[in-house]
């Protein structure tokens, strides 16, 4: 099972930050999508 999470950060998407993460420009913000594997805590 996988999940998708969205976050908006208050900075421009370009230039690409040192961590290499890039997103979609939204006015003066940057929209990031994260897709990860869901893990059970049991």
Protein backbone atom coordinates (compact mmCIF):
# COMPACT_ATOMS: atom_id res chain seq x y z
CA UNK A 1 0.00 0.00 0.00
CA UNK A 2 1.24 3.50 -0.84
CA UNK A 3 0.14 6.97 0.18
CA UNK A 4 0.45 10.44 -1.34
CA UNK A 5 0.98 13.59 0.72
CA UNK A 6 0.99 17.18 -0.53
CA UNK A 7 2.77 20.15 1.01
CA UNK A 8 3.17 23.80 0.07
CA UNK A 9 6.30 25.68 1.07
CA UNK A 10 6.75 29.45 0.94
CA UNK A 11 9.72 29.68 -1.41
CA UNK A 12 10.34 29.51 -5.14
CA UNK A 13 10.88 26.09 -6.74
CA UNK A 14 13.88 27.25 -8.75
CA UNK A 15 16.76 27.07 -8.45
CA UNK A 16 16.44 23.47 -7.25
CA UNK A 17 17.55 23.27 -3.59
CA UNK A 18 20.67 21.37 -2.50
CA UNK A 19 18.58 18.34 -1.41
CA UNK A 20 17.50 17.93 -5.07
CA UNK A 21 13.79 18.00 -4.26
CA UNK A 22 11.73 19.88 -6.81
CA UNK A 23 8.06 20.76 -7.06
CA UNK A 24 5.48 22.59 -9.11
CA UNK A 25 5.50 26.40 -8.93
CA UNK A 26 2.39 27.99 -7.35
CA UNK A 27 2.62 31.80 -7.39
CA UNK A 28 5.49 32.50 -4.96
CA UNK A 29 5.25 29.03 -3.36
CA UNK A 30 6.22 25.51 -4.31
CA UNK A 31 3.86 22.48 -4.25
CA UNK A 32 5.51 19.17 -3.37
CA UNK A 33 4.05 15.68 -3.74
CA UNK A 34 5.38 12.79 -1.69
CA UNK A 35 4.62 9.16 -2.51
CA UNK A 36 5.76 6.62 0.08
CA UNK A 37 5.13 3.05 1.11
CA UNK A 38 2.77 2.71 4.07
CA UNK A 39 4.22 0.64 6.92
CA UNK A 40 2.29 -1.03 9.71
CA UNK A 41 3.28 -0.20 13.31
CA UNK A 42 2.04 -3.50 14.72
